[in-house]
Amino acid sequence: MTQKYVVEIPRLYLSILNNLYEIEKKLAIHGDAGNAARNIEKMKESLAETGIFYEDPMGQEFKETRTDLDATISGSGTEQLIVVEVIKPIIRTGESTYSRVVQKGIVIVQSREGSKQ
């Protein structure tokens, strides 16, 4: 009998990483006059030392075979899809070269502009 290896991460870590991602997005839009990004990076590094980190899939190519994203298609095109909005980032455990998905990213994808012929 084979047993599936399941990684369980406390919800607290997922909540912290999701909120750090949201803060980073807001700082990118509104600016970072108080240099809070430096503190966010330190928090992310501390969490990464414990083996948990997030990936921002913004701008990445999306194919239906991708298992680390739950996507909603925006617009009428379904060819050459790219991530145009990230609602939740991909949260992983392990190291950046080899990791397991703990939380799928939730994204909106859209066909690349100019791909219509």
N, C-alpha and C. Protein backbone atom coordinates (compact mmCIF):
# COMPACT_ATOMS: atom_id res chain seq x y z
N MET A 1 0.85 -1.17 0.00
CA MET A 1 0.00 0.00 0.00
C MET A 1 0.90 1.24 0.00
N THR A 2 0.69 2.11 -0.97
CA THR A 2 1.48 3.35 -1.04
C THR A 2 0.77 4.45 -0.28
N GLN A 3 1.58 5.27 0.33
CA GLN A 3 1.04 6.37 1.11
C GLN A 3 1.46 7.68 0.45
N LYS A 4 0.53 8.57 0.31
CA LYS A 4 0.80 9.87 -0.29
C LYS A 4 1.43 10.79 0.75
N TYR A 5 2.51 11.46 0.35
CA TYR A 5 3.18 12.39 1.26
C TYR A 5 2.47 13.73 1.21
N VAL A 6 1.89 14.12 2.33
CA VAL A 6 1.15 15.38 2.40
C VAL A 6 1.87 16.32 3.35
N VAL A 7 2.10 17.53 2.88
CA VAL A 7 2.75 18.54 3.71
C VAL A 7 1.66 19.41 4.31
N GLU A 8 1.67 19.52 5.61
CA GLU A 8 0.71 20.39 6.28
C GLU A 8 1.45 21.55 6.92
N ILE A 9 1.00 22.74 6.62
CA ILE A 9 1.59 23.97 7.15
C ILE A 9 0.52 24.63 8.02
N PRO A 10 0.89 25.11 9.21
CA PRO A 10 -0.09 25.81 10.04
C PRO A 10 -0.73 26.98 9.29
N ARG A 11 -2.02 27.15 9.47
CA ARG A 11 -2.75 28.23 8.79
C ARG A 11 -2.14 29.60 9.07
N LEU A 12 -1.54 29.75 10.24
CA LEU A 12 -0.90 31.01 10.61
C LEU A 12 0.13 31.41 9.56
N TYR A 13 0.98 30.45 9.12
CA TYR A 13 2.00 30.76 8.12
C TYR A 13 1.37 31.14 6.78
N LEU A 14 0.33 30.43 6.40
CA LEU A 14 -0.36 30.76 5.15
C LEU A 14 -0.93 32.17 5.21
N SER A 15 -1.55 32.50 6.33
CA SER A 15 -2.12 33.82 6.51
C SER A 15 -1.04 34.90 6.46
N ILE A 16 0.07 34.67 7.15
CA ILE A 16 1.17 35.64 7.14
C ILE A 16 1.69 35.86 5.73
N LEU A 17 1.96 34.78 5.00
CA LEU A 17 2.49 34.91 3.64
C LEU A 17 1.50 35.59 2.70
N ASN A 18 0.23 35.24 2.80
CA ASN A 18 -0.78 35.89 1.95
C ASN A 18 -0.85 37.38 2.25
N ASN A 19 -0.78 37.74 3.53
CA ASN A 19 -0.83 39.16 3.89
C ASN A 19 0.44 39.90 3.49
N LEU A 20 1.60 39.27 3.61
CA LEU A 20 2.83 39.90 3.14
C LEU A 20 2.76 40.18 1.65
N TYR A 21 2.20 39.23 0.90
CA TYR A 21 2.05 39.42 -0.54
C TYR A 21 1.15 40.62 -0.83
N GLU A 22 0.03 40.71 -0.12
CA GLU A 22 -0.90 41.83 -0.32
C GLU A 22 -0.24 43.17 0.01
N ILE A 23 0.53 43.20 1.09
CA ILE A 23 1.23 44.44 1.46
C ILE A 23 2.23 44.83 0.38
N GLU A 24 2.97 43.85 -0.15
CA GLU A 24 3.92 44.14 -1.24
C GLU A 24 3.22 44.73 -2.46
N LYS A 25 2.06 44.16 -2.81
CA LYS A 25 1.30 44.68 -3.95
C LYS A 25 0.89 46.13 -3.71
N LYS A 26 0.41 46.42 -2.52
CA LYS A 26 -0.04 47.78 -2.20
C LYS A 26 1.12 48.76 -2.19
N LEU A 27 2.27 48.35 -1.67
CA LEU A 27 3.44 49.22 -1.68
C LEU A 27 3.90 49.51 -3.11
N ALA A 28 3.80 48.52 -3.99
CA ALA A 28 4.18 48.73 -5.38
C ALA A 28 3.28 49.75 -6.06
N ILE A 29 2.01 49.76 -5.70
CA ILE A 29 1.05 50.69 -6.29
C ILE A 29 1.17 52.09 -5.69
N HIS A 30 1.25 52.16 -4.37
CA HIS A 30 1.17 53.44 -3.67
C HIS A 30 2.52 54.01 -3.24
N GLY A 31 3.59 53.28 -3.45
CA GLY A 31 4.90 53.77 -3.04
C GLY A 31 5.26 53.29 -1.64
N ASP A 32 6.53 53.45 -1.32
CA ASP A 32 7.06 52.95 -0.06
C ASP A 32 7.88 54.02 0.63
N ALA A 33 7.22 55.09 1.03
CA ALA A 33 7.91 56.24 1.64
C ALA A 33 8.63 55.86 2.92
N GLY A 34 8.11 54.94 3.68
CA GLY A 34 8.72 54.55 4.95
C GLY A 34 9.69 53.39 4.85
N ASN A 35 9.96 52.92 3.62
CA ASN A 35 10.87 51.80 3.37
C ASN A 35 10.42 50.52 4.07
N ALA A 36 9.13 50.26 4.06
CA ALA A 36 8.58 49.04 4.68
C ALA A 36 8.98 47.79 3.91
N ALA A 37 9.30 47.93 2.63
CA ALA A 37 9.67 46.76 1.82
C ALA A 37 10.88 46.04 2.42
N ARG A 38 11.78 46.79 3.01
CA ARG A 38 12.96 46.18 3.64
C ARG A 38 12.53 45.24 4.77
N ASN A 39 11.58 45.67 5.57
CA ASN A 39 11.09 44.83 6.67
C ASN A 39 10.32 43.61 6.15
N ILE A 40 9.58 43.80 5.07
CA ILE A 40 8.86 42.69 4.47
C ILE A 40 9.84 41.64 3.97
N GLU A 41 10.92 42.08 3.31
CA GLU A 41 11.94 41.15 2.83
C GLU A 41 12.55 40.36 3.98
N LYS A 42 12.80 41.02 5.10
CA LYS A 42 13.36 40.33 6.27
C LYS A 42 12.39 39.26 6.78
N MET A 43 11.10 39.58 6.81
CA MET A 43 10.10 38.60 7.26
C MET A 43 10.05 37.42 6.30
N LYS A 44 10.08 37.71 4.99
CA LYS A 44 10.06 36.64 3.99
C LYS A 44 11.29 35.75 4.12
N GLU A 45 12.45 36.36 4.36
CA GLU A 45 13.69 35.59 4.53
C GLU A 45 13.60 34.70 5.77
N SER A 46 13.04 35.22 6.85
CA SER A 46 12.88 34.42 8.07
C SER A 46 11.98 33.21 7.81
N LEU A 47 10.89 33.42 7.11
CA LEU A 47 9.99 32.31 6.79
C LEU A 47 10.65 31.33 5.83
N ALA A 48 11.42 31.84 4.87
CA ALA A 48 12.12 30.97 3.92
C ALA A 48 13.13 30.08 4.65
N GLU A 49 13.73 30.59 5.71
CA GLU A 49 14.67 29.78 6.51
C GLU A 49 13.97 28.58 7.14
N THR A 50 12.68 28.70 7.39
CA THR A 50 11.92 27.58 7.94
C THR A 50 11.40 26.67 6.82
N GLY A 51 11.66 27.07 5.57
CA GLY A 51 11.28 26.23 4.43
C GLY A 51 9.94 26.56 3.81
N ILE A 52 9.41 27.75 4.04
CA ILE A 52 8.14 28.12 3.44
C ILE A 52 8.28 29.49 2.78
N PHE A 53 7.80 29.59 1.54
CA PHE A 53 7.93 30.84 0.79
C PHE A 53 6.81 30.93 -0.24
N TYR A 54 6.66 32.11 -0.84
CA TYR A 54 5.65 32.25 -1.88
C TYR A 54 6.27 32.68 -3.20
N GLU A 55 5.52 32.39 -4.25
CA GLU A 55 5.92 32.74 -5.61
C GLU A 55 4.81 33.58 -6.22
N ASP A 56 5.21 34.69 -6.83
CA ASP A 56 4.26 35.57 -7.51
C ASP A 56 4.24 35.19 -8.99
N PRO A 57 3.14 34.61 -9.49
CA PRO A 57 3.09 34.17 -10.88
C PRO A 57 2.70 35.26 -11.89
N MET A 58 2.63 36.52 -11.47
CA MET A 58 2.21 37.61 -12.35
C MET A 58 3.05 37.63 -13.63
N GLY A 59 2.37 37.67 -14.77
CA GLY A 59 3.04 37.74 -16.06
C GLY A 59 3.49 36.40 -16.62
N GLN A 60 3.36 35.34 -15.85
CA GLN A 60 3.80 34.03 -16.31
C GLN A 60 2.79 33.43 -17.30
N GLU A 61 3.28 32.56 -18.14
CA GLU A 61 2.44 31.85 -19.09
C GLU A 61 1.57 30.86 -18.33
N PHE A 62 0.32 30.68 -18.80
CA PHE A 62 -0.58 29.73 -18.18
C PHE A 62 -1.03 28.70 -19.21
N LYS A 63 -0.91 27.43 -18.84
CA LYS A 63 -1.43 26.32 -19.65
C LYS A 63 -2.31 25.48 -18.74
N GLU A 64 -3.27 24.79 -19.33
CA GLU A 64 -4.21 23.99 -18.54
C GLU A 64 -3.53 22.87 -17.76
N THR A 65 -2.33 22.48 -18.17
CA THR A 65 -1.61 21.41 -17.48
C THR A 65 -0.91 21.89 -16.22
N ARG A 66 -0.92 23.17 -16.00
CA ARG A 66 -0.25 23.74 -14.83
C ARG A 66 -1.04 23.38 -13.57
N THR A 67 -0.38 22.75 -12.61
CA THR A 67 -1.07 22.26 -11.42
C THR A 67 -0.92 23.16 -10.20
N ASP A 68 -0.13 24.23 -10.31
CA ASP A 68 0.09 25.10 -9.16
C ASP A 68 -0.79 26.35 -9.17
N LEU A 69 -1.70 26.44 -10.17
CA LEU A 69 -2.57 27.61 -10.27
C LEU A 69 -4.02 27.20 -10.50
N ASP A 70 -4.94 27.92 -9.86
CA ASP A 70 -6.37 27.85 -10.19
C ASP A 70 -6.66 29.15 -10.92
N ALA A 71 -7.11 29.04 -12.16
CA ALA A 71 -7.26 30.24 -12.98
C ALA A 71 -8.68 30.46 -13.46
N THR A 72 -9.01 31.74 -13.60
CA THR A 72 -10.24 32.17 -14.24
C THR A 72 -9.83 32.92 -15.49
N ILE A 73 -10.44 32.58 -16.62
CA ILE A 73 -10.10 33.23 -17.89
C ILE A 73 -10.93 34.49 -18.05
N SER A 74 -10.26 35.60 -18.33
CA SER A 74 -10.91 36.88 -18.57
C SER A 74 -10.85 37.17 -20.06
N GLY A 75 -11.95 37.63 -20.62
CA GLY A 75 -11.97 37.92 -22.05
C GLY A 75 -12.41 36.72 -22.85
N SER A 76 -12.38 36.87 -24.17
CA SER A 76 -12.90 35.81 -25.03
C SER A 76 -11.82 34.87 -25.55
N GLY A 77 -10.57 35.30 -25.57
CA GLY A 77 -9.50 34.46 -26.09
C GLY A 77 -9.07 33.39 -25.11
N THR A 78 -8.69 32.23 -25.65
CA THR A 78 -8.19 31.15 -24.80
C THR A 78 -6.83 30.65 -25.26
N GLU A 79 -6.19 31.37 -26.18
CA GLU A 79 -4.87 30.99 -26.68
C GLU A 79 -3.81 31.88 -26.05
N GLN A 80 -2.63 31.34 -25.85
CA GLN A 80 -1.48 32.08 -25.31
C GLN A 80 -1.87 32.88 -24.07
N LEU A 81 -2.33 32.19 -23.07
CA LEU A 81 -2.79 32.85 -21.84
C LEU A 81 -1.63 33.23 -20.94
N ILE A 82 -1.75 34.40 -20.32
CA ILE A 82 -0.78 34.84 -19.33
C ILE A 82 -1.53 35.31 -18.08
N VAL A 83 -0.85 35.26 -16.96
CA VAL A 83 -1.43 35.71 -15.69
C VAL A 83 -1.44 37.23 -15.67
N VAL A 84 -2.65 37.82 -15.53
CA VAL A 84 -2.78 39.28 -15.51
C VAL A 84 -3.15 39.81 -14.12
N GLU A 85 -3.60 38.95 -13.24
CA GLU A 85 -3.92 39.37 -11.87
C GLU A 85 -3.72 38.19 -10.93
N VAL A 86 -3.11 38.46 -9.79
CA VAL A 86 -2.89 37.42 -8.78
C VAL A 86 -3.73 37.75 -7.56
N ILE A 87 -4.64 36.86 -7.23
CA ILE A 87 -5.49 37.04 -6.06
C ILE A 87 -4.79 36.45 -4.83
N LYS A 88 -4.22 35.27 -4.99
CA LYS A 88 -3.41 34.64 -3.94
C LYS A 88 -2.16 34.07 -4.61
N PRO A 89 -1.00 34.23 -3.97
CA PRO A 89 0.23 33.70 -4.55
C PRO A 89 0.32 32.18 -4.35
N ILE A 90 1.28 31.57 -5.04
CA ILE A 90 1.57 30.15 -4.83
C ILE A 90 2.44 30.08 -3.57
N ILE A 91 2.04 29.27 -2.61
CA ILE A 91 2.86 29.08 -1.42
C ILE A 91 3.47 27.69 -1.49
N ARG A 92 4.78 27.66 -1.27
CA ARG A 92 5.54 26.41 -1.40
C ARG A 92 6.32 26.12 -0.12
N THR A 93 6.68 24.86 0.03
CA THR A 93 7.57 24.45 1.11
C THR A 93 8.73 23.70 0.50
N GLY A 94 9.89 23.86 1.10
CA GLY A 94 11.11 23.26 0.57
C GLY A 94 12.09 24.35 0.20
N GLU A 95 12.85 24.10 -0.85
CA GLU A 95 13.79 25.10 -1.35
C GLU A 95 13.35 25.52 -2.74
N SER A 96 13.84 26.66 -3.19
CA SER A 96 13.36 27.20 -4.47
C SER A 96 13.64 26.26 -5.64
N THR A 97 14.71 25.45 -5.57
CA THR A 97 15.01 24.53 -6.66
C THR A 97 14.11 23.30 -6.66
N TYR A 98 13.69 22.87 -5.48
CA TYR A 98 12.79 21.72 -5.38
C TYR A 98 11.82 21.98 -4.23
N SER A 99 10.56 22.11 -4.57
CA SER A 99 9.57 22.45 -3.54
C SER A 99 8.24 21.79 -3.84
N ARG A 100 7.38 21.81 -2.84
CA ARG A 100 6.01 21.29 -2.97
C ARG A 100 5.04 22.43 -2.79
N VAL A 101 3.95 22.36 -3.53
CA VAL A 101 2.91 23.39 -3.43
C VAL A 101 2.07 23.11 -2.18
N VAL A 102 1.95 24.14 -1.34
CA VAL A 102 1.12 24.06 -0.14
C VAL A 102 -0.22 24.75 -0.40
N GLN A 103 -0.17 25.83 -1.17
CA GLN A 103 -1.38 26.57 -1.56
C GLN A 103 -1.27 26.93 -3.03
N LYS A 104 -2.25 26.50 -3.82
CA LYS A 104 -2.27 26.89 -5.22
C LYS A 104 -2.50 28.39 -5.34
N GLY A 105 -1.88 28.98 -6.34
CA GLY A 105 -2.13 30.38 -6.61
C GLY A 105 -3.51 30.54 -7.23
N ILE A 106 -4.19 31.61 -6.91
CA ILE A 106 -5.49 31.92 -7.51
C ILE A 106 -5.27 33.13 -8.39
N VAL A 107 -5.54 32.96 -9.69
CA VAL A 107 -5.18 34.00 -10.65
C VAL A 107 -6.27 34.23 -11.69
N ILE A 108 -6.13 35.35 -12.39
CA ILE A 108 -6.95 35.64 -13.56
C ILE A 108 -5.98 35.67 -14.73
N VAL A 109 -6.35 34.96 -15.80
CA VAL A 109 -5.51 34.89 -16.99
C VAL A 109 -6.25 35.48 -18.18
N GLN A 110 -5.48 35.92 -19.14
CA GLN A 110 -6.05 36.54 -20.33
C GLN A 110 -5.15 36.22 -21.51
N SER A 111 -5.75 36.20 -22.70
CA SER A 111 -4.97 35.96 -23.91
C SER A 111 -4.02 37.13 -24.14
N ARG A 112 -2.81 36.81 -24.63
CA ARG A 112 -1.84 37.88 -24.92
C ARG A 112 -2.41 38.84 -25.94
N GLU A 113 -2.13 40.12 -25.74
CA GLU A 113 -2.57 41.15 -26.69
C GLU A 113 -1.81 40.94 -28.00
N GLY A 114 -2.47 41.13 -29.10
CA GLY A 114 -1.83 41.01 -30.40
C GLY A 114 -1.72 39.60 -30.91
N SER A 115 -2.25 38.62 -30.18
CA SER A 115 -2.15 37.24 -30.64
C SER A 115 -3.24 36.89 -31.65
N LYS A 116 -4.21 37.80 -31.82
CA LYS A 116 -5.28 37.57 -32.80
C LYS A 116 -4.75 37.88 -34.19
N GLN A 117 -5.05 36.99 -35.12
CA GLN A 117 -4.54 37.18 -36.48
C GLN A 117 -5.65 37.45 -37.45
